[in-house]
């Protein structure tokens, strides 16, 4: 007969072993894909037809991830191969059509792959920033439900909903940072289109799929500024956490305060921690190294450009 002390020792050993197993299941070498898009009109620095702002790459690298560029105008087969090689997808901000562009075409392919993978127990997260936020609303609703707002260059505090504190995204944020986000003008907004609370509430697909975590108001319309999917690891912010640390254009709405920088890091760190739960891998090290952003050099566009540095692709 086992003695109580012996039983406790066995249980403790099992607990340690189980905890170790859970730790081993995390991927501490996550690689996140950032989707390229068609060049901005009049970009004289462009050395290729598509680009990724370097700030998104730095944003993820600063939180412990590596990055590969996902180029537009590729086949669905190529995108599928990439999908099963990376551990997450970031849809960046920009200025392309979110229904007809090559950016939107590629985003839709990855979105559908992510839905199927997560439904099958294959964890794969997606993050959308600004245009990426808007793209996700179109992919989920199959409609463009955006409305014009006066938010082209302004920093705002977040109005948190009751769901924010228990959300996956915000639940690990320090209390003082949550307070700062709710009281200080530290979220950078550079968009003309938003998803209004009214349009969200009227659309069954969006209401069923996403949980609203924060809103903002331009003085006339209340719009969603942060949301997460209820049953998928999909996250979206209408504001720009990456600009705080890595963009320096002198415009209203650009903030570089300590709390703004902290908010940038915590959002990136959260998403990278989600990517660590994905077990996707490149077939071999050679293919992995060839795909990484390190193979490309960013172009300096000027300290006062909309994007200080861009990567360009064919």
Protein backbone atom coordinates (compact mmCIF):
# COMPACT_ATOMS: atom_id res chain seq x y z
CA UNK A 1 0.00 0.00 0.00
CA UNK A 2 1.31 3.42 -0.93
CA UNK A 3 1.88 5.79 1.90
CA UNK A 4 0.30 9.27 1.69
CA UNK A 5 3.73 10.86 1.41
CA UNK A 6 4.64 8.58 -1.47
CA UNK A 7 1.34 9.32 -3.24
CA UNK A 8 1.93 13.05 -2.88
CA UNK A 9 5.43 12.66 -4.28
CA UNK A 10 4.10 10.78 -7.31
CA UNK A 11 1.41 13.40 -7.90
CA UNK A 12 3.96 16.18 -7.58
CA UNK A 13 6.23 14.43 -10.07
CA UNK A 14 3.32 14.01 -12.48
CA UNK A 15 2.41 17.68 -12.08
CA UNK A 16 5.95 18.74 -12.90
CA UNK A 17 6.07 16.39 -15.87
CA UNK A 18 2.75 17.66 -17.20
CA UNK A 19 3.85 21.27 -16.76
CA UNK A 20 7.09 20.51 -18.57
CA UNK A 21 5.15 18.89 -21.39
CA UNK A 22 3.01 21.99 -21.76
CA UNK A 23 6.08 24.19 -21.85
CA UNK A 24 7.67 21.97 -24.49
CA UNK A 25 4.59 22.35 -26.68
CA UNK A 26 5.30 26.06 -27.10
CA UNK A 27 7.36 27.12 -30.07
CA UNK A 28 9.98 29.57 -28.87
CA UNK A 29 11.17 30.27 -32.40
CA UNK A 30 7.97 31.66 -33.95
CA UNK A 31 7.96 33.01 -37.48
CA UNK A 32 5.19 35.42 -38.43
CA UNK A 33 4.20 36.35 -41.97
CA UNK A 34 3.49 39.99 -42.79
CA UNK A 35 1.38 40.48 -45.91
CA UNK A 36 2.74 42.87 -48.53
CA UNK A 37 0.49 45.18 -50.53
CA UNK A 38 0.49 47.29 -53.66
CA UNK A 39 2.70 50.39 -53.46
CA UNK A 40 1.37 53.72 -52.32
CA UNK A 41 0.72 56.10 -55.26
CA UNK A 42 3.67 58.37 -55.99
CA UNK A 43 6.21 56.40 -53.96
CA UNK A 44 9.44 57.43 -55.69
CA UNK A 45 11.48 55.20 -53.37
CA UNK A 46 9.82 52.03 -54.65
CA UNK A 47 12.15 49.41 -56.09
CA UNK A 48 9.36 46.90 -56.67
CA UNK A 49 5.56 46.85 -57.14
CA UNK A 50 4.73 45.93 -53.53
CA UNK A 51 5.95 46.84 -50.06
CA UNK A 52 5.87 46.19 -46.32
CA UNK A 53 6.51 49.04 -43.88
CA UNK A 54 9.57 48.13 -41.81
CA UNK A 55 7.83 49.28 -38.62
CA UNK A 56 5.67 46.14 -38.65
CA UNK A 57 8.74 43.94 -38.94
CA UNK A 58 10.50 45.71 -36.06
CA UNK A 59 7.30 45.60 -34.01
CA UNK A 60 7.23 41.79 -34.17
CA UNK A 61 10.97 41.29 -33.89
CA UNK A 62 11.04 43.45 -30.76
CA UNK A 63 8.65 40.99 -29.10
CA UNK A 64 10.66 37.89 -29.97
CA UNK A 65 9.48 36.74 -33.39
CA UNK A 66 11.10 36.41 -36.78
CA UNK A 67 9.33 37.65 -39.90
CA UNK A 68 8.87 36.52 -43.46
CA UNK A 69 7.32 38.72 -46.16
CA UNK A 70 4.26 37.29 -47.86
CA UNK A 71 4.21 38.68 -51.37
CA UNK A 72 1.16 39.43 -53.45
CA UNK A 73 0.37 37.90 -56.86
CA UNK A 74 1.25 34.37 -55.78
CA UNK A 75 -0.76 31.20 -56.40
CA UNK A 76 -3.06 29.67 -53.82
CA UNK A 77 -0.77 26.64 -53.72
CA UNK A 78 2.19 28.84 -52.83
CA UNK A 79 0.20 30.58 -50.09
CA UNK A 80 -0.91 27.23 -48.69
CA UNK A 81 2.69 26.07 -48.44
CA UNK A 82 3.63 29.31 -46.67
CA UNK A 83 0.68 28.98 -44.29
CA UNK A 84 1.86 25.62 -42.98
CA UNK A 85 5.37 27.01 -42.53
CA UNK A 86 4.57 30.08 -40.41
CA UNK A 87 3.09 30.54 -36.95
CA UNK A 88 0.89 33.58 -37.45
CA UNK A 89 -0.14 36.31 -39.88
CA UNK A 90 -0.11 40.09 -39.53
CA UNK A 91 -2.31 42.16 -41.85
CA UNK A 92 -0.81 45.66 -41.77
CA UNK A 93 -2.19 49.13 -42.29
CA UNK A 94 -2.03 50.78 -45.69
CA UNK A 95 -4.19 52.20 -48.44
CA UNK A 96 -5.44 49.58 -50.88
CA UNK A 97 -8.91 48.38 -51.81
CA UNK A 98 -9.99 45.77 -49.27
CA UNK A 99 -12.26 44.02 -51.74
CA UNK A 100 -10.44 44.07 -55.08
CA UNK A 101 -6.71 44.39 -54.36
CA UNK A 102 -4.14 41.62 -54.47
CA UNK A 103 -3.67 42.28 -50.75
CA UNK A 104 -7.32 41.43 -50.13
CA UNK A 105 -7.09 38.32 -52.35
CA UNK A 106 -4.14 36.95 -50.41
CA UNK A 107 -5.69 37.90 -47.06
CA UNK A 108 -8.83 35.94 -47.95
CA UNK A 109 -6.82 32.82 -48.80
CA UNK A 110 -4.94 32.93 -45.49
CA UNK A 111 -8.11 33.77 -43.54
CA UNK A 112 -9.91 30.72 -44.90
CA UNK A 113 -6.90 28.50 -44.26
CA UNK A 114 -6.76 29.79 -40.68
CA UNK A 115 -10.46 29.11 -40.12
CA UNK A 116 -10.09 25.52 -41.31
CA UNK A 117 -6.89 24.94 -39.38
CA UNK A 118 -8.26 26.26 -36.08
CA UNK A 119 -11.46 24.27 -36.54
CA UNK A 120 -9.27 21.16 -36.85
CA UNK A 121 -7.33 22.00 -33.68
CA UNK A 122 -4.34 23.45 -35.55
CA UNK A 123 -3.76 26.73 -33.73
CA UNK A 124 -3.01 29.70 -36.01
CA UNK A 125 -3.41 33.39 -34.98
CA UNK A 126 -4.11 36.45 -37.13
CA UNK A 127 -3.55 40.10 -36.22
CA UNK A 128 -5.00 43.04 -38.17
CA UNK A 129 -3.92 46.66 -37.77
CA UNK A 130 -5.93 49.55 -39.25
CA UNK A 131 -6.42 48.39 -42.87
CA UNK A 132 -5.87 44.87 -41.52
CA UNK A 133 -8.71 45.45 -39.05
CA UNK A 134 -10.94 46.62 -41.88
CA UNK A 135 -9.92 43.69 -44.06
CA UNK A 136 -10.96 41.24 -41.36
CA UNK A 137 -14.42 42.83 -41.12
CA UNK A 138 -14.91 42.34 -44.87
CA UNK A 139 -13.65 38.76 -44.78
CA UNK A 140 -16.03 37.87 -41.95
CA UNK A 141 -19.13 39.70 -43.15
CA UNK A 142 -18.56 39.41 -46.93
CA UNK A 143 -19.49 43.10 -47.06
CA UNK A 144 -17.81 46.47 -46.77
CA UNK A 145 -19.60 47.94 -43.78
CA UNK A 146 -17.13 50.76 -43.10
CA UNK A 147 -18.19 54.35 -42.67
CA UNK A 148 -16.29 57.64 -42.87
CA UNK A 149 -14.99 59.09 -39.61
CA UNK A 150 -12.89 62.14 -38.74
CA UNK A 151 -9.89 60.12 -37.54
CA UNK A 152 -7.17 60.73 -40.10
CA UNK A 153 -4.50 62.01 -37.72
CA UNK A 154 -5.43 61.92 -34.05
CA UNK A 155 -4.38 60.18 -30.84
CA UNK A 156 -7.21 58.96 -28.61
CA UNK A 157 -7.82 57.10 -25.34
CA UNK A 158 -9.68 53.80 -25.59
CA UNK A 159 -13.18 53.41 -24.22
CA UNK A 160 -13.06 49.87 -22.91
CA UNK A 161 -16.11 47.65 -22.94
CA UNK A 162 -17.08 45.32 -20.10
CA UNK A 163 -15.44 42.47 -22.05
CA UNK A 164 -11.96 44.02 -22.11
CA UNK A 165 -10.68 42.94 -18.69
CA UNK A 166 -11.52 39.28 -19.29
CA UNK A 167 -10.38 39.31 -22.92
CA UNK A 168 -7.46 37.24 -24.11
CA UNK A 169 -5.76 40.34 -25.48
CA UNK A 170 -5.97 42.66 -22.48
CA UNK A 171 -6.23 40.38 -19.47
CA UNK A 172 -2.47 40.26 -18.91
CA UNK A 173 -1.89 44.01 -19.38
CA UNK A 174 -0.75 45.82 -16.22
CA UNK A 175 -3.56 47.72 -14.50
CA UNK A 176 -1.73 51.03 -14.74
CA UNK A 177 -1.29 50.56 -18.49
CA UNK A 178 -4.99 49.78 -18.91
CA UNK A 179 -5.75 52.96 -17.00
CA UNK A 180 -3.36 54.94 -19.18
CA UNK A 181 -4.95 53.52 -22.34
CA UNK A 182 -8.37 54.60 -21.09
CA UNK A 183 -7.33 58.10 -19.97
CA UNK A 184 -4.44 59.28 -22.15
CA UNK A 185 -4.30 60.16 -25.84
CA UNK A 186 -1.84 57.40 -26.72
CA UNK A 187 -3.46 55.32 -29.48
CA UNK A 188 -2.51 56.64 -32.91
CA UNK A 189 -5.33 56.81 -35.45
CA UNK A 190 -4.58 57.37 -39.14
CA UNK A 191 -7.69 56.17 -40.93
CA UNK A 192 -10.66 57.69 -42.71
CA UNK A 193 -12.87 54.60 -42.56
CA UNK A 194 -14.14 52.81 -39.46
CA UNK A 195 -16.56 50.10 -38.40
CA UNK A 196 -19.30 51.90 -36.53
CA UNK A 197 -20.97 50.30 -33.56
CA UNK A 198 -24.24 50.71 -35.42
CA UNK A 199 -23.07 48.75 -38.48
CA UNK A 200 -21.45 46.08 -36.30
CA UNK A 201 -24.66 45.67 -34.28
CA UNK A 202 -26.78 45.33 -37.41
CA UNK A 203 -24.63 42.58 -38.94
CA UNK A 204 -25.28 39.10 -37.56
CA UNK A 205 -22.01 37.62 -38.85
CA UNK A 206 -19.83 40.26 -37.20
CA UNK A 207 -21.74 40.14 -33.90
CA UNK A 208 -21.51 36.37 -33.81
CA UNK A 209 -17.81 36.28 -34.68
CA UNK A 210 -16.20 39.22 -32.83
CA UNK A 211 -16.20 40.52 -29.28
CA UNK A 212 -15.80 44.31 -29.02
CA UNK A 213 -13.09 45.28 -26.53
CA UNK A 214 -12.91 49.04 -27.04
CA UNK A 215 -14.59 51.83 -28.93
CA UNK A 216 -13.83 55.43 -29.85
CA UNK A 217 -15.83 58.43 -30.96
CA UNK A 218 -14.91 61.10 -33.51
CA UNK A 219 -17.54 63.45 -32.08
CA UNK A 220 -20.28 62.16 -34.37
CA UNK A 221 -19.90 58.40 -34.66
CA UNK A 222 -18.90 55.67 -32.24
CA UNK A 223 -16.64 53.12 -33.88
CA UNK A 224 -14.85 49.94 -32.84
CA UNK A 225 -11.16 50.37 -32.07
CA UNK A 226 -10.23 46.92 -30.69
CA UNK A 227 -11.86 43.52 -31.10
CA UNK A 228 -11.07 39.82 -30.90
CA UNK A 229 -12.81 36.80 -32.34
CA UNK A 230 -14.86 34.82 -29.86
CA UNK A 231 -13.75 31.36 -30.93
CA UNK A 232 -10.61 31.97 -32.99
CA UNK A 233 -7.23 33.56 -32.16
CA UNK A 234 -7.95 36.56 -34.40
CA UNK A 235 -7.30 40.09 -33.12
CA UNK A 236 -7.75 43.52 -34.66
CA UNK A 237 -6.96 47.11 -33.72
CA UNK A 238 -8.07 50.15 -35.70
CA UNK A 239 -5.20 52.12 -34.13
CA UNK A 240 -1.45 51.79 -34.77
CA UNK A 241 0.64 50.37 -31.92
CA UNK A 242 3.70 49.98 -34.19
CA UNK A 243 3.93 53.68 -35.11
CA UNK A 244 4.72 54.76 -31.57
CA UNK A 245 8.10 53.07 -31.57
CA UNK A 246 9.16 53.14 -35.18
CA UNK A 247 7.57 55.97 -37.16
CA UNK A 248 8.55 59.63 -36.73
CA UNK A 249 6.49 61.74 -39.12
CA UNK A 250 5.61 65.01 -37.39
CA UNK A 251 1.82 64.90 -37.42
CA UNK A 252 -0.94 65.19 -34.84
CA UNK A 253 -1.70 61.73 -33.56
CA UNK A 254 1.91 60.56 -33.42
CA UNK A 255 2.77 59.88 -29.80
CA UNK A 256 6.01 58.57 -28.29
CA UNK A 257 5.26 58.70 -24.58
CA UNK A 258 6.38 55.96 -22.24
CA UNK A 259 2.87 54.55 -21.88
CA UNK A 260 2.35 54.60 -25.64
CA UNK A 261 5.57 52.63 -26.10
CA UNK A 262 4.51 50.19 -23.38
CA UNK A 263 1.16 49.65 -25.11
CA UNK A 264 3.01 48.93 -28.35
CA UNK A 265 5.22 46.34 -26.72
CA UNK A 266 2.40 44.61 -24.83
CA UNK A 267 0.25 44.21 -27.95
CA UNK A 268 3.19 42.79 -29.91
CA UNK A 269 4.23 40.54 -27.03
CA UNK A 270 0.71 39.18 -26.75
CA UNK A 271 0.47 38.34 -30.43
CA UNK A 272 3.91 36.73 -30.47
CA UNK A 273 2.90 34.64 -27.44
CA UNK A 274 -0.10 33.45 -29.46
CA UNK A 275 2.19 32.57 -32.39
CA UNK A 276 4.25 30.44 -30.01
CA UNK A 277 1.27 28.11 -29.69
CA UNK A 278 1.47 27.22 -33.39
CA UNK A 279 3.48 24.18 -34.34
CA UNK A 280 3.86 24.97 -38.04
CA UNK A 281 7.37 24.52 -39.40
CA UNK A 282 9.27 25.04 -42.63
CA UNK A 283 10.15 21.73 -44.34
CA UNK A 284 13.84 22.39 -43.74
CA UNK A 285 16.27 25.02 -42.51
CA UNK A 286 17.36 26.01 -46.02
CA UNK A 287 13.81 26.99 -47.02
CA UNK A 288 13.32 28.79 -43.70
CA UNK A 289 16.44 30.89 -44.13
CA UNK A 290 15.59 31.77 -47.73
CA UNK A 291 12.14 33.02 -46.68
CA UNK A 292 13.18 35.30 -43.80
CA UNK A 293 13.02 39.08 -44.11
CA UNK A 294 16.76 39.18 -43.37
CA UNK A 295 17.33 38.47 -47.07
CA UNK A 296 15.94 41.91 -47.94
CA UNK A 297 17.16 45.41 -47.15
CA UNK A 298 14.75 48.18 -46.11
CA UNK A 299 14.86 51.45 -48.03
CA UNK A 300 15.17 54.65 -45.99
CA UNK A 301 12.47 57.03 -47.25
CA UNK A 302 13.20 59.99 -44.98
CA UNK A 303 12.56 60.72 -41.34
CA UNK A 304 9.36 62.61 -42.19
CA UNK A 305 7.92 60.05 -44.62
CA UNK A 306 4.68 58.25 -43.79
CA UNK A 307 6.85 55.15 -43.38
CA UNK A 308 10.48 55.81 -42.41
CA UNK A 309 11.58 52.55 -44.06
CA UNK A 310 9.93 50.17 -46.50
CA UNK A 311 10.81 46.74 -47.81
CA UNK A 312 10.02 46.38 -51.53
CA UNK A 313 9.25 43.18 -53.42
CA UNK A 314 8.69 42.03 -56.97
